[in-house]
Amino acid sequence: MRSNRRTRKTNPTFAVVVDGDTEKWYLQMLNDNERQIRVKIKPEIPQKKSIEQQYNKVCELAQGEFDKVFWIIDFDTILKEDREAKKRNQKPSQDFINYRDKLLKDDKVVVIVNNPCLEYWFLLHYIKTTKTFNSCSNAEKELKKHIEGYEKTEKFFKKQNQDIYLKLKPYLSTALKNAKSLGDFDPQNLQKTMCEMELLFHSDELKKYFK
């Protein structure tokens, strides 16, 4: 006998492949503080974090149950590997560009590049700057002018009633405008300071929550 019960529509689920704890903690606090969002965001950190292994993880997750898979890249890490890869015929940045080109053809996958790193996204909540940061530590130094005592620890990121997402939330719309104004990742200009975090917040499933 056929049941007349309607199938319950499940909320979308995003997998987000990241290479560090700071991204994971930030996304966890986003989940915790934005309970009205009908999207589950699940950070995924590969056990091994080379560009190839991250790419393979993205491809694996894209074949699974997730509605969308995001890959967040701190590009300063890739540029550092470029400087250290003197003996290689092809630099890690070119490997990444090739992987990105392949993933752009998959509607289920979104690649997000932050140059230099996630701390630059945090900084854009307070100021609009196109200053070139040679390393993430330089961006952190600038960020500390706006977030007193900033440190890359779980204790700081998840401090009760003062977690990293709550600290930044009042300035989120400013950060989104600032990030968008910087433009997209440019394979012809790898030193370009830029941030693509708006691709997460302004995805079809989330944009109604974040103007």
N, C-alpha and C. Protein backbone atom coordinates (compact mmCIF):
# COMPACT_ATOMS: atom_id res chain seq x y z
N MET A 1 0.85 -1.20 0.00
CA MET A 1 0.00 0.00 0.00
C MET A 1 0.88 1.25 0.00
N ARG A 2 0.61 2.16 -0.92
CA ARG A 2 1.43 3.35 -1.04
C ARG A 2 1.16 4.32 0.11
N SER A 3 2.24 4.85 0.69
CA SER A 3 2.11 5.81 1.78
C SER A 3 1.79 7.18 1.21
N ASN A 4 0.90 7.91 1.89
CA ASN A 4 0.56 9.26 1.46
C ASN A 4 1.45 10.32 2.11
N ARG A 5 2.37 9.84 2.95
CA ARG A 5 3.25 10.78 3.62
C ARG A 5 4.21 11.44 2.63
N ARG A 6 4.39 12.74 2.78
CA ARG A 6 5.32 13.46 1.92
C ARG A 6 6.76 13.19 2.37
N THR A 7 7.64 13.09 1.39
CA THR A 7 9.05 12.94 1.72
C THR A 7 9.57 14.26 2.28
N ARG A 8 10.22 14.17 3.41
CA ARG A 8 10.72 15.39 4.06
C ARG A 8 11.94 15.93 3.30
N LYS A 9 11.89 17.19 2.95
CA LYS A 9 13.01 17.81 2.23
C LYS A 9 14.13 18.11 3.21
N THR A 10 15.30 17.58 2.94
CA THR A 10 16.44 17.82 3.82
C THR A 10 17.13 19.12 3.44
N ASN A 11 17.79 19.72 4.42
CA ASN A 11 18.52 20.96 4.16
C ASN A 11 19.81 20.67 3.40
N PRO A 12 20.24 21.61 2.56
CA PRO A 12 21.49 21.41 1.81
C PRO A 12 22.68 21.24 2.76
N THR A 13 23.67 20.50 2.30
CA THR A 13 24.89 20.31 3.07
C THR A 13 26.09 20.66 2.20
N PHE A 14 26.96 21.51 2.76
CA PHE A 14 28.19 21.91 2.07
C PHE A 14 29.37 21.23 2.74
N ALA A 15 30.27 20.69 1.94
CA ALA A 15 31.59 20.29 2.44
C ALA A 15 32.56 21.41 2.07
N VAL A 16 33.44 21.76 3.01
CA VAL A 16 34.43 22.80 2.74
C VAL A 16 35.81 22.24 3.04
N VAL A 17 36.59 22.03 2.00
CA VAL A 17 37.94 21.50 2.15
C VAL A 17 38.89 22.64 2.49
N VAL A 18 39.58 22.52 3.62
CA VAL A 18 40.51 23.54 4.10
C VAL A 18 41.82 22.86 4.48
N ASP A 19 42.87 23.67 4.61
CA ASP A 19 44.16 23.06 4.94
C ASP A 19 44.65 23.42 6.33
N GLY A 20 43.78 24.07 7.13
CA GLY A 20 44.23 24.48 8.45
C GLY A 20 43.10 24.57 9.46
N ASP A 21 43.50 24.63 10.72
CA ASP A 21 42.52 24.68 11.81
C ASP A 21 41.77 26.01 11.87
N THR A 22 42.43 27.12 11.48
CA THR A 22 41.75 28.42 11.60
C THR A 22 40.49 28.46 10.74
N GLU A 23 40.59 27.94 9.52
CA GLU A 23 39.40 27.88 8.65
C GLU A 23 38.33 26.99 9.27
N LYS A 24 38.76 25.86 9.80
CA LYS A 24 37.80 24.93 10.42
C LYS A 24 37.09 25.59 11.59
N TRP A 25 37.83 26.24 12.48
CA TRP A 25 37.22 26.88 13.66
C TRP A 25 36.28 28.02 13.25
N TYR A 26 36.70 28.81 12.26
CA TYR A 26 35.86 29.91 11.79
C TYR A 26 34.53 29.39 11.24
N LEU A 27 34.59 28.34 10.44
CA LEU A 27 33.37 27.77 9.87
C LEU A 27 32.50 27.12 10.94
N GLN A 28 33.11 26.52 11.93
CA GLN A 28 32.34 25.94 13.04
C GLN A 28 31.60 27.03 13.80
N MET A 29 32.24 28.17 14.02
CA MET A 29 31.59 29.28 14.72
C MET A 29 30.50 29.92 13.85
N LEU A 30 30.70 29.93 12.54
CA LEU A 30 29.64 30.38 11.63
C LEU A 30 28.41 29.50 11.78
N ASN A 31 28.62 28.21 11.79
CA ASN A 31 27.51 27.26 11.99
C ASN A 31 26.81 27.49 13.32
N ASP A 32 27.59 27.65 14.38
CA ASP A 32 27.04 27.77 15.73
C ASP A 32 26.23 29.04 15.91
N ASN A 33 26.66 30.13 15.28
CA ASN A 33 26.04 31.44 15.51
C ASN A 33 24.90 31.77 14.56
N GLU A 34 24.87 31.12 13.42
CA GLU A 34 23.83 31.41 12.43
C GLU A 34 22.85 30.24 12.36
N ARG A 35 22.13 30.03 13.44
CA ARG A 35 21.24 28.87 13.54
C ARG A 35 20.06 28.94 12.57
N GLN A 36 19.75 30.15 12.09
CA GLN A 36 18.60 30.29 11.19
C GLN A 36 18.91 29.79 9.78
N ILE A 37 20.19 29.62 9.49
CA ILE A 37 20.58 29.17 8.15
C ILE A 37 20.22 27.70 7.96
N ARG A 38 19.49 27.42 6.91
CA ARG A 38 19.07 26.05 6.63
C ARG A 38 20.08 25.33 5.73
N VAL A 39 21.33 25.54 6.04
CA VAL A 39 22.42 24.89 5.32
C VAL A 39 23.43 24.39 6.33
N LYS A 40 23.83 23.15 6.21
CA LYS A 40 24.86 22.60 7.09
C LYS A 40 26.22 22.73 6.40
N ILE A 41 27.17 23.36 7.10
CA ILE A 41 28.51 23.56 6.56
C ILE A 41 29.48 22.66 7.32
N LYS A 42 30.11 21.76 6.61
CA LYS A 42 31.00 20.78 7.25
C LYS A 42 32.44 20.97 6.78
N PRO A 43 33.32 21.50 7.65
CA PRO A 43 34.73 21.63 7.28
C PRO A 43 35.39 20.26 7.14
N GLU A 44 36.25 20.12 6.15
CA GLU A 44 36.98 18.87 5.92
C GLU A 44 38.47 19.20 5.78
N ILE A 45 39.30 18.60 6.65
CA ILE A 45 40.75 18.78 6.56
C ILE A 45 41.37 17.46 6.13
N PRO A 46 41.97 17.39 4.95
CA PRO A 46 42.63 16.14 4.53
C PRO A 46 43.74 15.77 5.50
N GLN A 47 43.98 14.47 5.68
CA GLN A 47 45.05 14.04 6.57
C GLN A 47 46.40 14.52 6.06
N LYS A 48 46.57 14.48 4.75
CA LYS A 48 47.77 15.03 4.13
C LYS A 48 47.35 16.23 3.30
N LYS A 49 48.17 17.30 3.32
CA LYS A 49 47.66 18.58 2.86
C LYS A 49 48.35 19.15 1.62
N SER A 50 49.01 18.31 0.83
CA SER A 50 49.58 18.82 -0.41
C SER A 50 48.45 19.27 -1.33
N ILE A 51 48.78 20.11 -2.31
CA ILE A 51 47.77 20.59 -3.25
C ILE A 51 47.09 19.42 -3.96
N GLU A 52 47.87 18.45 -4.37
CA GLU A 52 47.30 17.29 -5.06
C GLU A 52 46.34 16.52 -4.15
N GLN A 53 46.72 16.35 -2.89
CA GLN A 53 45.87 15.60 -1.95
C GLN A 53 44.60 16.37 -1.62
N GLN A 54 44.69 17.69 -1.52
CA GLN A 54 43.48 18.49 -1.31
C GLN A 54 42.56 18.39 -2.53
N TYR A 55 43.14 18.47 -3.71
CA TYR A 55 42.35 18.34 -4.94
C TYR A 55 41.65 16.99 -4.99
N ASN A 56 42.37 15.94 -4.66
CA ASN A 56 41.77 14.60 -4.66
C ASN A 56 40.62 14.51 -3.66
N LYS A 57 40.78 15.17 -2.51
CA LYS A 57 39.72 15.18 -1.50
C LYS A 57 38.48 15.90 -2.03
N VAL A 58 38.68 17.02 -2.70
CA VAL A 58 37.56 17.76 -3.30
C VAL A 58 36.82 16.88 -4.30
N CYS A 59 37.56 16.21 -5.16
CA CYS A 59 36.93 15.33 -6.17
C CYS A 59 36.16 14.20 -5.52
N GLU A 60 36.75 13.63 -4.46
CA GLU A 60 36.08 12.54 -3.74
C GLU A 60 34.77 13.00 -3.13
N LEU A 61 34.79 14.15 -2.47
CA LEU A 61 33.58 14.67 -1.82
C LEU A 61 32.52 15.06 -2.84
N ALA A 62 32.96 15.55 -3.99
CA ALA A 62 32.02 15.97 -5.04
C ALA A 62 31.25 14.78 -5.61
N GLN A 63 31.80 13.59 -5.44
CA GLN A 63 31.12 12.38 -5.90
C GLN A 63 30.13 11.85 -4.86
N GLY A 64 30.14 12.46 -3.67
CA GLY A 64 29.32 11.96 -2.57
C GLY A 64 28.00 12.69 -2.42
N GLU A 65 27.53 12.73 -1.18
CA GLU A 65 26.17 13.19 -0.88
C GLU A 65 26.05 14.70 -0.73
N PHE A 66 27.16 15.43 -0.75
CA PHE A 66 27.11 16.87 -0.51
C PHE A 66 26.48 17.61 -1.68
N ASP A 67 25.72 18.67 -1.35
CA ASP A 67 25.10 19.47 -2.40
C ASP A 67 26.13 20.34 -3.11
N LYS A 68 27.14 20.79 -2.35
CA LYS A 68 28.21 21.59 -2.93
C LYS A 68 29.49 21.31 -2.17
N VAL A 69 30.61 21.46 -2.86
CA VAL A 69 31.91 21.31 -2.23
C VAL A 69 32.72 22.58 -2.50
N PHE A 70 33.18 23.22 -1.43
CA PHE A 70 34.02 24.40 -1.53
C PHE A 70 35.46 24.02 -1.19
N TRP A 71 36.40 24.63 -1.87
CA TRP A 71 37.82 24.42 -1.58
C TRP A 71 38.43 25.77 -1.28
N ILE A 72 38.81 26.00 -0.03
CA ILE A 72 39.38 27.28 0.39
C ILE A 72 40.90 27.16 0.44
N ILE A 73 41.58 28.01 -0.31
CA ILE A 73 43.04 27.97 -0.44
C ILE A 73 43.67 29.23 0.13
N ASP A 74 44.66 29.06 1.00
CA ASP A 74 45.54 30.15 1.42
C ASP A 74 46.68 30.19 0.40
N PHE A 75 46.66 31.19 -0.48
CA PHE A 75 47.59 31.15 -1.61
C PHE A 75 49.02 31.45 -1.21
N ASP A 76 49.24 32.07 -0.05
CA ASP A 76 50.62 32.31 0.39
C ASP A 76 51.37 31.00 0.58
N THR A 77 50.64 29.95 0.95
CA THR A 77 51.27 28.64 1.12
C THR A 77 51.79 28.11 -0.21
N ILE A 78 51.00 28.30 -1.27
CA ILE A 78 51.41 27.83 -2.59
C ILE A 78 52.61 28.64 -3.10
N LEU A 79 52.58 29.95 -2.89
CA LEU A 79 53.71 30.79 -3.32
C LEU A 79 54.98 30.42 -2.57
N LYS A 80 54.85 30.06 -1.31
CA LYS A 80 56.00 29.62 -0.52
C LYS A 80 56.57 28.33 -1.10
N GLU A 81 55.67 27.41 -1.48
CA GLU A 81 56.11 26.15 -2.09
C GLU A 81 56.78 26.41 -3.44
N ASP A 82 56.30 27.41 -4.17
CA ASP A 82 56.94 27.78 -5.44
C ASP A 82 58.41 28.16 -5.21
N ARG A 83 58.64 28.98 -4.18
CA ARG A 83 60.00 29.45 -3.90
C ARG A 83 60.92 28.30 -3.50
N GLU A 84 60.32 27.28 -2.91
CA GLU A 84 61.12 26.15 -2.43
C GLU A 84 61.27 25.04 -3.46
N ALA A 85 60.54 25.13 -4.57
CA ALA A 85 60.50 24.04 -5.56
C ALA A 85 61.43 24.33 -6.73
N LYS A 86 62.67 24.62 -6.44
CA LYS A 86 63.61 25.03 -7.48
C LYS A 86 63.93 23.91 -8.46
N LYS A 87 63.88 22.67 -7.99
CA LYS A 87 64.29 21.55 -8.83
C LYS A 87 63.14 20.96 -9.65
N ARG A 88 61.94 21.42 -9.39
CA ARG A 88 60.78 20.87 -10.11
C ARG A 88 60.59 21.56 -11.45
N ASN A 89 60.18 20.78 -12.44
CA ASN A 89 59.91 21.36 -13.76
C ASN A 89 58.67 22.24 -13.73
N GLN A 90 57.69 21.84 -12.92
CA GLN A 90 56.45 22.60 -12.82
C GLN A 90 56.21 23.01 -11.38
N LYS A 91 55.93 24.28 -11.17
CA LYS A 91 55.74 24.79 -9.82
C LYS A 91 54.37 24.41 -9.27
N PRO A 92 54.24 24.35 -7.93
CA PRO A 92 52.95 24.04 -7.31
C PRO A 92 51.83 24.99 -7.74
N SER A 93 52.17 26.26 -8.00
CA SER A 93 51.13 27.21 -8.43
C SER A 93 50.52 26.78 -9.77
N GLN A 94 51.34 26.24 -10.67
CA GLN A 94 50.81 25.77 -11.95
C GLN A 94 49.96 24.53 -11.77
N ASP A 95 50.38 23.66 -10.83
CA ASP A 95 49.55 22.50 -10.49
C ASP A 95 48.18 22.96 -10.04
N PHE A 96 48.17 23.96 -9.14
CA PHE A 96 46.89 24.47 -8.62
C PHE A 96 46.04 25.06 -9.73
N ILE A 97 46.65 25.84 -10.61
CA ILE A 97 45.90 26.46 -11.71
C ILE A 97 45.25 25.38 -12.58
N ASN A 98 45.99 24.31 -12.84
CA ASN A 98 45.44 23.21 -13.64
C ASN A 98 44.27 22.54 -12.93
N TYR A 99 44.42 22.30 -11.62
CA TYR A 99 43.32 21.69 -10.85
C TYR A 99 42.10 22.62 -10.84
N ARG A 100 42.36 23.90 -10.63
CA ARG A 100 41.26 24.87 -10.59
C ARG A 100 40.51 24.90 -11.91
N ASP A 101 41.24 24.88 -13.02
CA ASP A 101 40.60 24.89 -14.34
C ASP A 101 39.67 23.69 -14.51
N LYS A 102 40.11 22.54 -14.03
CA LYS A 102 39.28 21.34 -14.13
C LYS A 102 38.02 21.47 -13.28
N LEU A 103 38.19 22.01 -12.06
CA LEU A 103 37.06 22.10 -11.13
C LEU A 103 36.05 23.16 -11.55
N LEU A 104 36.50 24.18 -12.28
CA LEU A 104 35.57 25.22 -12.74
C LEU A 104 34.50 24.66 -13.67
N LYS A 105 34.75 23.48 -14.23
CA LYS A 105 33.78 22.85 -15.12
C LYS A 105 32.71 22.07 -14.36
N ASP A 106 32.89 21.94 -13.05
CA ASP A 106 31.96 21.18 -12.21
C ASP A 106 31.07 22.15 -11.44
N ASP A 107 29.78 22.17 -11.75
CA ASP A 107 28.85 23.10 -11.10
C ASP A 107 28.72 22.85 -9.60
N LYS A 108 29.14 21.69 -9.16
CA LYS A 108 28.99 21.33 -7.75
C LYS A 108 30.15 21.83 -6.89
N VAL A 109 31.24 22.28 -7.54
CA VAL A 109 32.46 22.65 -6.83
C VAL A 109 32.74 24.14 -6.99
N VAL A 110 33.14 24.78 -5.88
CA VAL A 110 33.53 26.20 -5.90
C VAL A 110 34.92 26.31 -5.27
N VAL A 111 35.85 26.91 -6.01
CA VAL A 111 37.21 27.13 -5.51
C VAL A 111 37.32 28.56 -5.02
N ILE A 112 37.78 28.72 -3.78
CA ILE A 112 37.92 30.04 -3.15
C ILE A 112 39.39 30.27 -2.84
N VAL A 113 39.95 31.33 -3.42
CA VAL A 113 41.35 31.67 -3.19
C VAL A 113 41.44 32.92 -2.32
N ASN A 114 42.22 32.84 -1.27
CA ASN A 114 42.54 34.00 -0.44
C ASN A 114 44.05 34.23 -0.53
N ASN A 115 44.45 35.41 -0.94
CA ASN A 115 45.87 35.73 -1.03
C ASN A 115 46.16 37.00 -0.22
N PRO A 116 46.83 36.89 0.95
CA PRO A 116 47.63 35.71 1.30
C PRO A 116 46.89 34.57 2.00
N CYS A 117 45.89 34.89 2.84
CA CYS A 117 45.33 33.84 3.71
C CYS A 117 44.00 34.30 4.31
N LEU A 118 43.45 33.47 5.19
CA LEU A 118 42.15 33.77 5.80
C LEU A 118 42.20 35.04 6.64
N GLU A 119 43.34 35.34 7.24
CA GLU A 119 43.45 36.56 8.05
C GLU A 119 43.21 37.81 7.22
N TYR A 120 43.51 37.75 5.94
CA TYR A 120 43.21 38.89 5.07
C TYR A 120 41.70 39.09 4.96
N TRP A 121 40.94 38.00 4.90
CA TRP A 121 39.48 38.08 4.93
C TRP A 121 39.01 38.75 6.21
N PHE A 122 39.60 38.38 7.33
CA PHE A 122 39.24 39.01 8.60
C PHE A 122 39.54 40.51 8.55
N LEU A 123 40.69 40.87 7.99
CA LEU A 123 41.10 42.27 7.93
C LEU A 123 40.13 43.10 7.10
N LEU A 124 39.57 42.51 6.05
CA LEU A 124 38.63 43.24 5.18
C LEU A 124 37.33 43.61 5.89
N HIS A 125 37.08 43.03 7.05
CA HIS A 125 35.93 43.45 7.85
C HIS A 125 36.12 44.86 8.39
N TYR A 126 37.37 45.29 8.49
CA TYR A 126 37.68 46.58 9.12
C TYR A 126 38.17 47.63 8.13
N ILE A 127 38.95 47.21 7.15
CA ILE A 127 39.50 48.17 6.19
C ILE A 127 39.52 47.56 4.79
N LYS A 128 39.49 48.42 3.80
CA LYS A 128 39.68 48.00 2.41
C LYS A 128 41.13 48.31 2.04
N THR A 129 41.89 47.28 1.74
CA THR A 129 43.29 47.48 1.39
C THR A 129 43.71 46.51 0.31
N THR A 130 44.52 46.99 -0.62
CA THR A 130 45.10 46.14 -1.65
C THR A 130 46.61 45.98 -1.41
N LYS A 131 47.03 46.32 -0.22
CA LYS A 131 48.45 46.19 0.15
C LYS A 131 48.93 44.76 -0.08
N THR A 132 50.12 44.62 -0.61
CA THR A 132 50.70 43.29 -0.81
C THR A 132 51.29 42.78 0.50
N PHE A 133 50.82 41.62 0.93
CA PHE A 133 51.36 40.97 2.12
C PHE A 133 52.22 39.80 1.66
N ASN A 134 53.49 39.84 1.99
CA ASN A 134 54.41 38.80 1.54
C ASN A 134 54.20 37.48 2.25
N SER A 135 53.51 37.53 3.37
CA SER A 135 53.23 36.31 4.12
C SER A 135 51.98 36.52 4.96
N CYS A 136 51.44 35.42 5.45
CA CYS A 136 50.26 35.50 6.30
C CYS A 136 50.58 36.22 7.60
N SER A 137 51.80 36.05 8.10
CA SER A 137 52.18 36.70 9.36
C SER A 137 52.11 38.22 9.25
N ASN A 138 52.39 38.77 8.06
CA ASN A 138 52.27 40.21 7.86
C ASN A 138 50.81 40.66 7.90
N ALA A 139 49.92 39.83 7.35
CA ALA A 139 48.49 40.13 7.42
C ALA A 139 48.00 40.04 8.86
N GLU A 140 48.50 39.07 9.59
CA GLU A 140 48.13 38.92 11.01
C GLU A 140 48.56 40.15 11.80
N LYS A 141 49.74 40.64 11.52
CA LYS A 141 50.25 41.83 12.22
C LYS A 141 49.32 43.02 12.01
N GLU A 142 48.83 43.19 10.78
CA GLU A 142 47.89 44.27 10.48
C GLU A 142 46.55 44.03 11.17
N LEU A 143 46.12 42.78 11.20
CA LEU A 143 44.84 42.42 11.82
C LEU A 143 44.83 42.73 13.31
N LYS A 144 45.96 42.56 13.96
CA LYS A 144 46.05 42.78 15.41
C LYS A 144 45.82 44.23 15.79
N LYS A 145 45.89 45.14 14.82
CA LYS A 145 45.57 46.54 15.09
C LYS A 145 44.06 46.71 15.30
N HIS A 146 43.29 45.73 14.84
CA HIS A 146 41.83 45.81 14.91
C HIS A 146 41.22 44.79 15.87
N ILE A 147 41.88 43.64 16.03
CA ILE A 147 41.41 42.62 16.97
C ILE A 147 42.50 42.43 18.02
N GLU A 148 42.27 43.02 19.17
CA GLU A 148 43.28 42.96 20.24
C GLU A 148 43.49 41.51 20.69
N GLY A 149 44.74 41.14 20.79
CA GLY A 149 45.08 39.81 21.31
C GLY A 149 44.83 38.67 20.34
N TYR A 150 44.66 38.99 19.05
CA TYR A 150 44.38 37.93 18.08
C TYR A 150 45.47 36.87 18.10
N GLU A 151 45.04 35.62 18.13
CA GLU A 151 45.99 34.51 18.03
C GLU A 151 45.31 33.31 17.37
N LYS A 152 46.12 32.50 16.71
CA LYS A 152 45.59 31.35 15.96
C LYS A 152 45.51 30.13 16.87
N THR A 153 44.61 30.22 17.85
CA THR A 153 44.41 29.10 18.76
C THR A 153 42.92 28.80 18.85
N GLU A 154 42.61 27.56 19.16
CA GLU A 154 41.21 27.17 19.30
C GLU A 154 40.55 27.93 20.45
N LYS A 155 41.31 28.16 21.52
CA LYS A 155 40.78 28.89 22.68
C LYS A 155 40.32 30.29 22.27
N PHE A 156 41.13 30.99 21.48
CA PHE A 156 40.77 32.34 21.06
C PHE A 156 39.60 32.32 20.08
N PHE A 157 39.65 31.43 19.10
CA PHE A 157 38.61 31.39 18.07
C PHE A 157 37.25 30.99 18.63
N LYS A 158 37.24 30.20 19.70
CA LYS A 158 35.98 29.67 20.21
C LYS A 158 35.61 30.22 21.59
N LYS A 159 36.20 31.32 21.98
CA LYS A 159 35.92 31.90 23.29
C LYS A 159 34.43 32.18 23.45
N GLN A 160 33.87 31.72 24.56
CA GLN A 160 32.42 31.83 24.76
C GLN A 160 31.96 33.28 24.71
N ASN A 161 30.93 33.52 23.91
CA ASN A 161 30.32 34.84 23.72
C ASN A 161 31.26 35.86 23.08
N GLN A 162 32.47 35.45 22.75
CA GLN A 162 33.43 36.34 22.09
C GLN A 162 34.21 35.59 21.01
N ASP A 163 33.56 34.62 20.39
CA ASP A 163 34.29 33.83 19.40
C ASP A 163 34.59 34.67 18.16
N ILE A 164 35.43 34.14 17.29
CA ILE A 164 35.93 34.90 16.15
C ILE A 164 34.79 35.35 15.22
N TYR A 165 33.79 34.53 15.02
CA TYR A 165 32.70 34.91 14.13
C TYR A 165 31.88 36.06 14.72
N LEU A 166 31.61 35.99 16.03
CA LEU A 166 30.85 37.06 16.69
C LEU A 166 31.61 38.38 16.66
N LYS A 167 32.93 38.33 16.81
CA LYS A 167 33.73 39.55 16.75
C LYS A 167 33.61 40.23 15.38
N LEU A 168 33.55 39.40 14.35
CA LEU A 168 33.57 39.92 12.99
C LEU A 168 32.18 40.21 12.41
N LYS A 169 31.17 39.57 12.95
CA LYS A 169 29.83 39.62 12.36
C LYS A 169 29.30 41.03 12.11
N PRO A 170 29.49 42.00 13.01
CA PRO A 170 28.94 43.34 12.76
C PRO A 170 29.49 44.00 11.49
N TYR A 171 30.62 43.51 11.00
CA TYR A 171 31.28 44.11 9.84
C TYR A 171 31.26 43.20 8.61
N LEU A 172 30.44 42.16 8.66
CA LEU A 172 30.45 41.17 7.58
C LEU A 172 30.05 41.76 6.24
N SER A 173 29.02 42.59 6.21
CA SER A 173 28.58 43.16 4.93
C SER A 173 29.68 44.03 4.32
N THR A 174 30.43 44.73 5.16
CA THR A 174 31.57 45.52 4.69
C THR A 174 32.64 44.63 4.09
N ALA A 175 32.93 43.52 4.76
CA ALA A 175 33.94 42.59 4.27
C ALA A 175 33.55 42.00 2.92
N LEU A 176 32.28 41.68 2.76
CA LEU A 176 31.81 41.11 1.49
C LEU A 176 31.95 42.11 0.34
N LYS A 177 31.62 43.36 0.61
CA LYS A 177 31.79 44.40 -0.42
C LYS A 177 33.26 44.61 -0.75
N ASN A 178 34.09 44.66 0.28
CA ASN A 178 35.52 44.87 0.07
C ASN A 178 36.13 43.71 -0.72
N ALA A 179 35.75 42.49 -0.36
CA ALA A 179 36.30 41.32 -1.04
C ALA A 179 35.88 41.30 -2.51
N LYS A 180 34.62 41.57 -2.76
CA LYS A 180 34.12 41.53 -4.14
C LYS A 180 34.81 42.58 -5.01
N SER A 181 35.10 43.74 -4.43
CA SER A 181 35.72 44.83 -5.19
C SER A 181 37.14 44.50 -5.65
N LEU A 182 37.76 43.51 -5.01
CA LEU A 182 39.14 43.15 -5.35
C LEU A 182 39.24 42.31 -6.61
N GLY A 183 38.13 41.74 -7.04
CA GLY A 183 38.13 40.90 -8.24
C GLY A 183 38.52 39.46 -7.95
N ASP A 184 38.57 38.67 -9.01
CA ASP A 184 38.80 37.24 -8.89
C ASP A 184 40.28 36.89 -8.92
N PHE A 185 40.57 35.66 -8.59
CA PHE A 185 41.92 35.12 -8.73
C PHE A 185 42.37 35.25 -10.18
N ASP A 186 43.60 35.72 -10.37
CA ASP A 186 44.14 35.93 -11.71
C ASP A 186 45.37 35.05 -11.93
N PRO A 187 45.26 34.00 -12.73
CA PRO A 187 46.41 33.12 -12.97
C PRO A 187 47.60 33.83 -13.60
N GLN A 188 47.36 35.01 -14.18
CA GLN A 188 48.45 35.78 -14.79
C GLN A 188 49.10 36.75 -13.82
N ASN A 189 48.54 36.86 -12.63
CA ASN A 189 49.08 37.79 -11.63
C ASN A 189 48.98 37.14 -10.25
N LEU A 190 49.90 36.25 -9.97
CA LEU A 190 49.81 35.43 -8.76
C LEU A 190 50.10 36.22 -7.48
N GLN A 191 50.67 37.40 -7.61
CA GLN A 191 50.97 38.22 -6.43
C GLN A 191 49.79 39.10 -6.01
N LYS A 192 48.75 39.10 -6.81
CA LYS A 192 47.60 39.97 -6.55
C LYS A 192 46.95 39.67 -5.20
N THR A 193 46.79 40.70 -4.40
CA THR A 193 46.11 40.56 -3.12
C THR A 193 44.61 40.48 -3.38
N MET A 194 43.98 39.40 -2.94
CA MET A 194 42.55 39.24 -3.22
C MET A 194 41.94 38.22 -2.27
N CYS A 195 40.61 38.19 -2.28
CA CYS A 195 39.87 37.32 -1.36
C CYS A 195 38.53 36.96 -2.00
N GLU A 196 38.24 35.66 -2.05
CA GLU A 196 37.02 35.21 -2.72
C GLU A 196 35.99 34.60 -1.77
N MET A 197 36.04 34.97 -0.49
CA MET A 197 35.12 34.39 0.48
C MET A 197 33.67 34.71 0.19
N GLU A 198 33.42 35.76 -0.61
CA GLU A 198 32.02 36.07 -0.95
C GLU A 198 31.39 34.95 -1.75
N LEU A 199 32.20 34.11 -2.39
CA LEU A 199 31.65 32.98 -3.15
C LEU A 199 30.94 31.98 -2.25
N LEU A 200 31.36 31.91 -0.99
CA LEU A 200 30.65 31.07 -0.02
C LEU A 200 29.39 31.77 0.47
N PHE A 201 29.55 32.98 0.97
CA PHE A 201 28.42 33.69 1.58
C PHE A 201 27.35 34.09 0.57
N HIS A 202 27.74 34.29 -0.67
CA HIS A 202 26.78 34.68 -1.71
C HIS A 202 26.44 33.53 -2.65
N SER A 203 26.69 32.30 -2.21
CA SER A 203 26.23 31.14 -2.98
C SER A 203 24.71 31.14 -3.00
N ASP A 204 24.12 30.45 -3.96
CA ASP A 204 22.66 30.46 -4.13
C ASP A 204 21.93 30.10 -2.84
N GLU A 205 22.50 29.17 -2.09
CA GLU A 205 21.83 28.68 -0.88
C GLU A 205 21.97 29.62 0.31
N LEU A 206 22.99 30.49 0.29
CA LEU A 206 23.27 31.33 1.46
C LEU A 206 23.02 32.82 1.24
N LYS A 207 22.94 33.26 0.00
CA LYS A 207 22.94 34.70 -0.26
C LYS A 207 21.75 35.44 0.37
N LYS A 208 20.64 34.75 0.58
CA LYS A 208 19.49 35.43 1.18
C LYS A 208 19.73 35.78 2.65
N TYR A 209 20.70 35.11 3.26
CA TYR A 209 21.02 35.38 4.66
C TYR A 209 22.09 36.46 4.82
N PHE A 210 22.89 36.66 3.77
CA PHE A 210 24.02 37.59 3.87
C PHE A 210 23.96 38.57 2.71
N LYS A 211 23.51 39.78 2.99
CA LYS A 211 23.37 40.80 1.95
C LYS A 211 24.71 41.49 1.69
